[in-house]
Amino acid sequence: MTVIIGSPQEFNSDDLYVDLRASAGVPLFLKCEGFNFARSIKLKAATEMVEGAERRGVLRPGMTIVESSSGNLGVALSMLAASRGYRFVCVTDAHCTPSSRRMMQALGAQVHVVTEPKADGGFLAARIEHVRALCAAEPGTVWLNQYSSPDNWGAHYRRTGPELLAAFPGLEILFVGAGTTGTLMGCARYLRDRGHPAEVIAVDVAGSVTFGGPAGVRKIPGLGTGIRPAQLDESYVDDVVVVEERETVATCRELAAHGFVFGGSTGTVVSGARRWLARHRPGADVVAVAIAPDLGDGYLDSVYNDDWEL
């Protein structure tokens, strides 16, 4: 089928799944969200947040978008800003991959890198403080705020959740990585509102405080946070799996050995899903799906680099 588009956000492959039974030995389907021009699932949230701000009159021609991001959302917003004629400033930190920074700059964005974490809240708190300072200092600047925007989780309520059930009406278990928890909350709310019985399992990374764990050093951008996300409602989550970053690297390398080069967030989700299924559904032939947020080309300098150290 021929696809012709006029804007980059018009293309997103939302119906590609990888069966991991052969490559990872686990009864799990991966919903691949990285096949778009932004290379990650964050294109959905970025599009909904920008269009929502435009509809409300908060974002108007000539204005500047500012957002805190560890990488993927920053790339998606850089692309949208370039397409729609906005100026974009991404506030990130030292853990953002060099390739993500270069991609944002190639798309015309300014990248501000925060180098010192806050004692309470780490790099995320420092990034948000910088965002607030930019908004206070520069008139015509709009912070979309992925951490609390209803358009973040709404993107997945309106799109990702329906896509999942269209592909797997008999879905039994859904694994979703937890960052801002937008994907997690949107999908979980959609399933609950439809009366669907699938269990929703959140996958977090060690060192994240999202589900009450102790704060610690995290070097792989994407999942986890230093501040509990405002949009998280744990009543929609059936269980939580916490993955060490070394497990993430090992899983990414294992999948690459079978020809699938996924991003760090995907490696974390697959690692957590495999461990959860082995513990709670050993030997069962279940209908389980995990959301793969990104591809691995942005992690060649880190996760796939033998000289990189955690």
Protein backbone atom coordinates (compact mmCIF):
# COMPACT_ATOMS: atom_id res chain seq x y z
CA MET A 1 0.00 0.00 0.00
CA THR A 2 1.33 3.41 -0.98
CA VAL A 3 1.38 6.01 1.80
CA ILE A 4 1.75 9.70 0.96
CA ILE A 5 2.09 12.25 3.76
CA GLY A 6 2.60 15.99 4.01
CA SER A 7 3.72 16.22 7.65
CA PRO A 8 6.04 13.84 9.55
CA GLN A 9 3.54 13.09 12.33
CA GLU A 10 1.09 11.66 9.81
CA PHE A 11 3.06 8.42 9.59
CA ASN A 12 3.20 5.94 12.47
CA SER A 13 3.15 2.16 12.22
CA ASP A 14 0.78 1.07 14.97
CA ASP A 15 0.10 -2.55 14.02
CA LEU A 16 3.54 -4.19 14.08
CA TYR A 17 4.15 -6.86 16.73
CA VAL A 18 7.15 -9.13 17.31
CA ASP A 19 6.56 -12.65 18.65
CA LEU A 20 9.32 -13.23 21.22
CA ARG A 21 8.75 -16.94 21.72
CA ALA A 22 11.59 -17.86 19.37
CA SER A 23 14.09 -15.07 20.10
CA ALA A 24 13.61 -14.66 23.86
CA GLY A 25 11.91 -17.88 24.89
CA VAL A 26 8.93 -16.09 26.38
CA PRO A 27 5.23 -16.10 25.38
CA LEU A 28 5.18 -12.39 24.69
CA PHE A 29 4.24 -10.12 21.81
CA LEU A 30 6.03 -6.78 21.50
CA LYS A 31 3.98 -3.85 20.21
CA CYS A 32 6.63 -1.92 18.26
CA GLU A 33 6.12 1.83 18.60
CA GLY A 34 9.39 3.07 17.12
CA PHE A 35 8.53 3.02 13.43
CA ASN A 36 7.83 6.70 12.82
CA PHE A 37 9.96 9.75 12.06
CA ALA A 38 10.49 10.46 15.77
CA ARG A 39 11.56 6.84 16.38
CA SER A 40 9.48 6.31 19.52
CA ILE A 41 6.04 6.11 21.11
CA LYS A 42 6.51 9.68 22.32
CA LEU A 43 5.27 10.93 18.95
CA LYS A 44 1.73 10.13 20.08
CA ALA A 45 1.94 12.14 23.30
CA ALA A 46 3.82 14.99 21.62
CA THR A 47 1.20 15.31 18.89
CA GLU A 48 -1.72 15.23 21.34
CA MET A 49 -0.11 17.77 23.69
CA VAL A 50 0.74 20.22 20.91
CA GLU A 51 -2.66 19.93 19.26
CA GLY A 52 -4.42 20.18 22.63
CA ALA A 53 -2.52 23.36 23.48
CA GLU A 54 -3.40 24.78 20.06
CA ARG A 55 -7.10 24.00 20.50
CA ARG A 56 -7.15 25.69 23.91
CA GLY A 57 -5.42 28.76 22.51
CA VAL A 58 -2.46 28.30 24.86
CA LEU A 59 -0.07 27.72 21.95
CA ARG A 60 -0.21 30.21 19.11
CA PRO A 61 1.94 31.05 16.07
CA GLY A 62 5.24 32.65 16.98
CA MET A 63 5.38 31.13 20.44
CA THR A 64 8.08 28.88 21.92
CA ILE A 65 7.52 25.38 23.28
CA VAL A 66 9.68 24.28 26.19
CA GLU A 67 9.74 20.80 27.69
CA SER A 68 11.79 18.65 30.01
CA SER A 69 12.78 15.34 28.41
CA SER A 70 15.37 12.61 28.77
CA GLY A 71 15.42 12.29 24.98
CA ASN A 72 12.56 10.66 23.09
CA LEU A 73 9.87 13.26 23.76
CA GLY A 74 12.38 15.98 22.99
CA VAL A 75 13.02 14.45 19.58
CA ALA A 76 9.28 14.13 18.88
CA LEU A 77 8.60 17.74 19.90
CA SER A 78 11.57 18.96 17.86
CA MET A 79 10.05 17.31 14.82
CA LEU A 80 6.58 18.73 15.47
CA ALA A 81 7.92 22.22 16.18
CA ALA A 82 9.87 22.20 12.93
CA SER A 83 6.81 20.99 11.04
CA ARG A 84 4.48 23.60 12.55
CA GLY A 85 6.82 26.57 12.72
CA TYR A 86 7.39 26.83 16.46
CA ARG A 87 10.64 27.41 18.29
CA PHE A 88 11.45 24.57 20.69
CA VAL A 89 13.75 24.40 23.71
CA CYS A 90 14.41 20.98 25.24
CA VAL A 91 15.72 20.84 28.80
CA THR A 92 17.53 17.56 29.35
CA ASP A 93 20.40 16.23 31.45
CA ALA A 94 23.73 14.45 31.11
CA HIS A 95 22.05 11.05 30.64
CA CYS A 96 20.40 12.08 27.38
CA THR A 97 22.18 10.19 24.60
CA PRO A 98 24.45 12.18 22.26
CA SER A 99 22.44 10.96 19.27
CA SER A 100 19.19 12.32 20.74
CA ARG A 101 20.81 15.71 21.34
CA ARG A 102 22.16 15.80 17.80
CA MET A 103 18.80 14.82 16.36
CA MET A 104 17.02 17.60 18.25
CA GLN A 105 19.59 20.13 17.08
CA ALA A 106 19.33 18.87 13.50
CA LEU A 107 15.61 19.61 13.70
CA GLY A 108 16.29 23.16 14.83
CA ALA A 109 15.72 22.81 18.57
CA GLN A 110 17.81 24.39 21.30
CA VAL A 111 19.06 21.85 23.86
CA HIS A 112 19.80 22.94 27.42
CA VAL A 113 21.69 20.28 29.39
CA VAL A 114 21.32 20.32 33.19
CA THR A 115 24.52 19.00 34.76
CA GLU A 116 23.78 19.07 38.50
CA PRO A 117 20.94 17.06 40.09
CA LYS A 118 18.87 18.42 42.96
CA ALA A 119 19.28 16.78 46.35
CA ASP A 120 15.54 16.05 46.36
CA GLY A 121 14.25 14.86 42.99
CA GLY A 122 17.55 14.40 41.16
CA PHE A 123 17.97 15.48 37.55
CA LEU A 124 14.22 15.62 36.95
CA ALA A 125 13.75 18.22 39.67
CA ALA A 126 16.68 20.20 38.27
CA ARG A 127 15.23 20.07 34.76
CA ILE A 128 11.81 21.24 35.91
CA GLU A 129 13.37 24.10 37.86
CA HIS A 130 15.19 25.17 34.69
CA VAL A 131 11.97 24.94 32.66
CA ARG A 132 10.12 27.15 35.16
CA ALA A 133 12.94 29.69 35.04
CA LEU A 134 12.79 29.80 31.22
CA CYS A 135 9.03 30.32 31.24
CA ALA A 136 9.32 33.11 33.82
CA ALA A 137 12.09 34.86 31.89
CA GLU A 138 10.78 34.56 28.33
CA PRO A 139 7.29 35.80 27.38
CA GLY A 140 5.54 33.67 24.80
CA THR A 141 6.98 30.42 26.16
CA VAL A 142 4.67 27.45 26.76
CA TRP A 143 5.53 24.44 28.93
CA LEU A 144 3.43 21.50 27.77
CA ASN A 145 4.34 19.56 30.96
CA GLN A 146 4.28 15.89 30.01
CA TYR A 147 4.29 14.95 33.71
CA SER A 148 0.76 16.19 34.38
CA SER A 149 -0.84 16.88 31.00
CA PRO A 150 -4.05 14.87 30.46
CA ASP A 151 -3.17 14.86 26.76
CA ASN A 152 -0.18 12.64 27.60
CA TRP A 153 -2.19 9.73 28.94
CA GLY A 154 -5.12 10.72 26.71
CA ALA A 155 -3.04 9.94 23.63
CA HIS A 156 -2.81 6.32 24.72
CA TYR A 157 -6.41 6.15 25.87
CA ARG A 158 -7.52 7.26 22.43
CA ARG A 159 -4.93 5.42 20.35
CA THR A 160 -2.68 2.79 21.95
CA GLY A 161 -5.37 1.12 24.05
CA PRO A 162 -7.79 0.65 21.13
CA GLU A 163 -4.92 -0.57 18.95
CA LEU A 164 -4.04 -3.24 21.51
CA LEU A 165 -7.56 -4.64 21.76
CA ALA A 166 -8.07 -4.53 18.00
CA ALA A 167 -5.01 -6.76 17.60
CA PHE A 168 -5.56 -8.93 20.71
CA PRO A 169 -9.21 -9.01 21.85
CA GLY A 170 -8.29 -11.88 24.19
CA LEU A 171 -5.44 -9.97 25.84
CA GLU A 172 -4.67 -11.42 29.27
CA ILE A 173 -1.61 -9.50 30.45
CA LEU A 174 -0.22 -6.12 29.41
CA PHE A 175 3.28 -4.96 30.38
CA VAL A 176 3.99 -1.23 30.21
CA GLY A 177 7.16 0.61 31.19
CA ALA A 178 6.69 3.47 33.65
CA GLY A 179 8.29 6.83 32.93
CA THR A 180 5.88 9.75 33.11
CA THR A 181 3.26 6.93 33.30
CA GLY A 182 1.33 8.46 30.41
CA THR A 183 1.33 5.25 28.36
CA LEU A 184 0.62 3.16 31.45
CA MET A 185 -2.31 5.27 32.61
CA GLY A 186 -3.84 5.73 29.18
CA CYS A 187 -3.83 2.03 28.35
CA ALA A 188 -4.92 0.95 31.84
CA ARG A 189 -7.79 3.43 31.94
CA TYR A 190 -8.95 2.34 28.49
CA LEU A 191 -8.98 -1.34 29.49
CA ARG A 192 -10.81 -0.59 32.75
CA ASP A 193 -13.42 1.59 31.06
CA ARG A 194 -14.09 -1.14 28.53
CA GLY A 195 -14.52 -3.71 31.31
CA HIS A 196 -11.63 -5.73 29.91
CA PRO A 197 -10.13 -8.25 32.39
CA ALA A 198 -6.49 -8.01 31.27
CA GLU A 199 -3.96 -7.57 34.07
CA VAL A 200 -1.82 -4.45 33.77
CA ILE A 201 1.77 -4.88 34.97
CA ALA A 202 3.97 -1.80 35.32
CA VAL A 203 7.70 -2.18 34.71
CA ASP A 204 9.97 0.25 36.53
CA VAL A 205 13.74 0.56 36.86
CA ALA A 206 15.78 0.28 40.04
CA GLY A 207 16.54 3.72 41.47
CA SER A 208 13.17 5.14 40.44
CA VAL A 209 10.81 6.52 43.09
CA THR A 210 7.65 6.11 41.00
CA PHE A 211 6.21 3.25 43.06
CA GLY A 212 7.82 4.13 46.36
CA GLY A 213 11.27 2.63 45.90
CA PRO A 214 14.43 4.37 47.12
CA ALA A 215 16.01 6.95 44.82
CA GLY A 216 19.20 5.80 43.14
CA VAL A 217 21.51 6.50 40.22
CA ARG A 218 20.00 5.68 36.82
CA LYS A 219 22.00 6.05 33.63
CA ILE A 220 19.69 4.73 30.91
CA PRO A 221 17.20 7.43 29.88
CA GLY A 222 13.52 6.68 29.41
CA LEU A 223 11.94 4.82 32.29
CA GLY A 224 11.94 5.69 35.97
CA THR A 225 11.78 9.07 37.64
CA GLY A 226 13.10 11.02 40.60
CA ILE A 227 9.67 12.51 41.37
CA ARG A 228 6.43 10.54 41.61
CA PRO A 229 4.39 11.34 38.45
CA ALA A 230 1.31 13.44 39.15
CA GLN A 231 -0.83 11.42 36.72
CA LEU A 232 -0.07 8.02 38.30
CA ASP A 233 -3.07 6.24 39.84
CA GLU A 234 -1.92 2.91 41.24
CA SER A 235 -5.49 1.60 41.47
CA TYR A 236 -5.21 0.88 37.74
CA VAL A 237 -2.03 -1.20 38.15
CA ASP A 238 -2.20 -4.88 39.14
CA ASP A 239 1.49 -5.42 39.85
CA VAL A 240 4.90 -3.77 39.51
CA VAL A 241 8.22 -5.28 38.38
CA VAL A 242 11.49 -3.47 39.10
CA VAL A 243 14.43 -4.14 36.78
CA GLU A 244 18.12 -3.44 37.35
CA GLU A 245 19.84 -1.58 34.53
CA ARG A 246 22.31 -4.43 34.05
CA GLU A 247 19.31 -6.65 33.24
CA THR A 248 18.22 -4.05 30.69
CA VAL A 249 21.58 -4.13 28.93
CA ALA A 250 21.70 -7.93 28.93
CA THR A 251 18.20 -8.19 27.45
CA CYS A 252 18.92 -5.59 24.76
CA ARG A 253 22.07 -7.47 23.77
CA GLU A 254 20.19 -10.77 23.72
CA LEU A 255 17.50 -9.41 21.42
CA ALA A 256 20.17 -7.86 19.17
CA ALA A 257 21.79 -11.27 18.83
CA HIS A 258 18.53 -12.33 17.13
CA GLY A 259 18.47 -9.26 14.86
CA PHE A 260 16.21 -6.98 16.92
CA VAL A 261 17.94 -3.78 18.06
CA PHE A 262 15.58 -2.14 20.53
CA GLY A 263 16.05 0.78 22.91
CA GLY A 264 16.81 0.69 26.60
CA SER A 265 13.19 1.16 27.63
CA THR A 266 12.18 -1.84 25.56
CA GLY A 267 14.96 -3.95 27.07
CA THR A 268 13.71 -3.04 30.54
CA VAL A 269 10.11 -3.95 29.72
CA VAL A 270 11.03 -7.27 28.13
CA SER A 271 13.28 -8.17 31.05
CA GLY A 272 10.56 -7.39 33.57
CA ALA A 273 7.87 -9.18 31.58
CA ARG A 274 9.97 -12.33 31.24
CA ARG A 275 10.70 -12.42 34.97
CA TRP A 276 7.05 -11.79 35.89
CA LEU A 277 5.74 -14.47 33.54
CA ALA A 278 8.28 -17.02 34.80
CA ARG A 279 7.17 -16.35 38.37
CA HIS A 280 3.40 -16.03 37.92
CA ARG A 281 2.59 -17.98 34.73
CA PRO A 282 5.34 -20.61 34.40
CA GLY A 283 4.85 -22.74 31.30
CA ALA A 284 1.51 -21.12 30.47
CA ASP A 285 0.55 -20.19 26.92
CA VAL A 286 -0.90 -16.79 27.77
CA VAL A 287 -1.85 -13.88 25.56
CA ALA A 288 0.67 -11.33 26.83
CA VAL A 289 1.73 -8.09 25.16
CA ALA A 290 4.50 -5.65 26.09
CA ILE A 291 4.81 -2.17 24.66
CA ALA A 292 8.19 -1.51 23.03
CA PRO A 293 8.55 2.29 23.20
CA ASP A 294 11.62 2.79 21.05
CA LEU A 295 14.28 1.39 18.75
CA GLY A 296 17.95 0.96 19.55
CA ASP A 297 19.72 3.30 17.15
CA GLY A 298 19.80 6.00 19.82
CA TYR A 299 21.59 3.70 22.25
CA LEU A 300 24.59 2.66 20.18
CA ASP A 301 26.88 4.84 22.29
CA SER A 302 25.59 3.41 25.57
CA VAL A 303 23.67 0.14 25.87
CA TYR A 304 25.35 -1.38 22.81
CA ASN A 305 28.81 0.06 23.47
CA ASP A 306 31.24 -2.33 25.17
CA ASP A 307 33.23 0.60 26.58
CA TRP A 308 30.21 2.22 28.23
CA GLU A 309 29.91 1.72 31.98
CA LEU A 310 26.81 1.76 34.15
